[in-house]
Amino acid sequence: MFYIEFFVLLRSSGRADDGFGSANRIEGEHFTIEYKNNVDLNSLVESLKVSAVDQQLTNLKIDNSSPEKKLASMIEVLFNRAATC
């Protein structure tokens, strides 16, 4: 969790131009996803492998109401799954 917080703090300091100045943002509980306009979120979501077992072990469910919420909830499940290993 320290690394993610450090990256977020470093990113918000604006010291380096990483090419994401005009990026779209998705806020999660533990993270912020930044992506460029030309990224196909549906393809990205389809490429992630979040199983029903992952959801059960983390007590989290995937939010299918939009591609943004689906991606955020999938990353949240994976984040929590990794944190419990």
Protein backbone atom coordinates (compact mmCIF):
# COMPACT_ATOMS: atom_id res chain seq x y z
CA MET A 1 0.00 0.00 0.00
CA PHE A 2 2.95 2.34 0.65
CA TYR A 3 4.06 2.09 -2.98
CA ILE A 4 0.65 3.05 -4.31
CA GLU A 5 0.39 6.00 -1.92
CA PHE A 6 3.91 7.08 -2.87
CA PHE A 7 3.07 6.93 -6.57
CA VAL A 8 -0.11 8.93 -6.05
CA LEU A 9 1.80 11.55 -4.05
CA LEU A 10 4.57 11.66 -6.63
CA ARG A 11 2.06 11.92 -9.47
CA SER A 12 0.15 14.72 -7.75
CA SER A 13 3.32 16.72 -7.17
CA GLY A 14 3.51 17.38 -10.93
CA ARG A 15 7.31 17.31 -11.01
CA ALA A 16 7.59 15.31 -14.21
CA ASP A 17 5.54 15.29 -17.38
CA ASP A 18 4.52 11.68 -17.77
CA GLY A 19 2.21 12.30 -20.73
CA PHE A 20 -0.94 11.84 -18.65
CA GLY A 21 -1.74 15.52 -18.19
CA SER A 22 -5.06 15.16 -20.01
CA ALA A 23 -5.80 11.63 -18.83
CA ASN A 24 -9.17 10.37 -17.74
CA ARG A 25 -9.38 9.35 -14.10
CA ILE A 26 -11.21 6.63 -12.25
CA GLU A 27 -11.12 6.87 -8.48
CA GLY A 28 -11.04 3.65 -6.48
CA GLU A 29 -11.03 3.10 -2.75
CA HIS A 30 -7.28 2.36 -2.69
CA PHE A 31 -6.08 3.81 -5.98
CA THR A 32 -6.59 6.13 -8.91
CA ILE A 33 -6.53 4.78 -12.46
CA GLU A 34 -5.39 7.24 -15.10
CA TYR A 35 -5.75 6.39 -18.77
CA LYS A 36 -5.54 8.16 -22.09
CA ASN A 37 -8.63 8.88 -24.16
CA ASN A 38 -7.80 6.28 -26.81
CA VAL A 39 -7.76 3.34 -24.36
CA ASP A 40 -10.62 0.90 -24.92
CA LEU A 41 -11.84 0.15 -21.39
CA ASN A 42 -14.03 -2.74 -22.55
CA SER A 43 -11.00 -4.53 -24.03
CA LEU A 44 -8.99 -3.85 -20.90
CA VAL A 45 -11.77 -5.19 -18.68
CA GLU A 46 -12.08 -8.31 -20.85
CA SER A 47 -8.36 -8.98 -20.51
CA LEU A 48 -8.42 -8.96 -16.70
CA LYS A 49 -9.02 -12.33 -15.12
CA VAL A 50 -11.04 -11.86 -11.95
CA SER A 51 -12.71 -15.08 -10.93
CA ALA A 52 -15.74 -15.75 -8.77
CA VAL A 53 -13.32 -17.24 -6.24
CA ASP A 54 -11.42 -13.93 -6.09
CA GLN A 55 -14.68 -12.14 -5.41
CA GLN A 56 -15.69 -14.63 -2.72
CA LEU A 57 -12.33 -14.50 -0.96
CA THR A 58 -12.36 -10.70 -0.84
CA ASN A 59 -16.10 -10.33 -0.12
CA LEU A 60 -16.29 -7.85 -3.01
CA LYS A 61 -18.49 -7.88 -6.08
CA ILE A 62 -17.83 -6.55 -9.57
CA ASP A 63 -19.90 -3.45 -10.39
CA ASN A 64 -21.14 -3.90 -13.97
CA SER A 65 -23.00 -0.58 -14.21
CA SER A 66 -20.34 1.01 -16.48
CA PRO A 67 -16.93 0.10 -17.94
CA GLU A 68 -15.28 2.57 -15.55
CA LYS A 69 -16.95 1.12 -12.46
CA LYS A 70 -16.32 -2.42 -13.67
CA LEU A 71 -12.61 -1.73 -14.15
CA ALA A 72 -12.33 0.00 -10.77
CA SER A 73 -14.12 -2.81 -8.95
CA MET A 74 -12.04 -5.48 -10.71
CA ILE A 75 -8.80 -3.75 -9.74
CA GLU A 76 -10.17 -3.41 -6.20
CA VAL A 77 -10.82 -7.16 -6.05
CA LEU A 78 -7.32 -7.93 -7.35
CA PHE A 79 -5.77 -5.42 -4.93
CA ASN A 80 -7.58 -6.95 -1.96
CA ARG A 81 -6.81 -10.47 -3.15
CA ALA A 82 -3.10 -9.68 -3.32
CA ALA A 83 -3.22 -8.00 0.09
CA THR A 84 -4.66 -11.15 1.69
CA CYS A 85 -2.03 -13.52 0.26
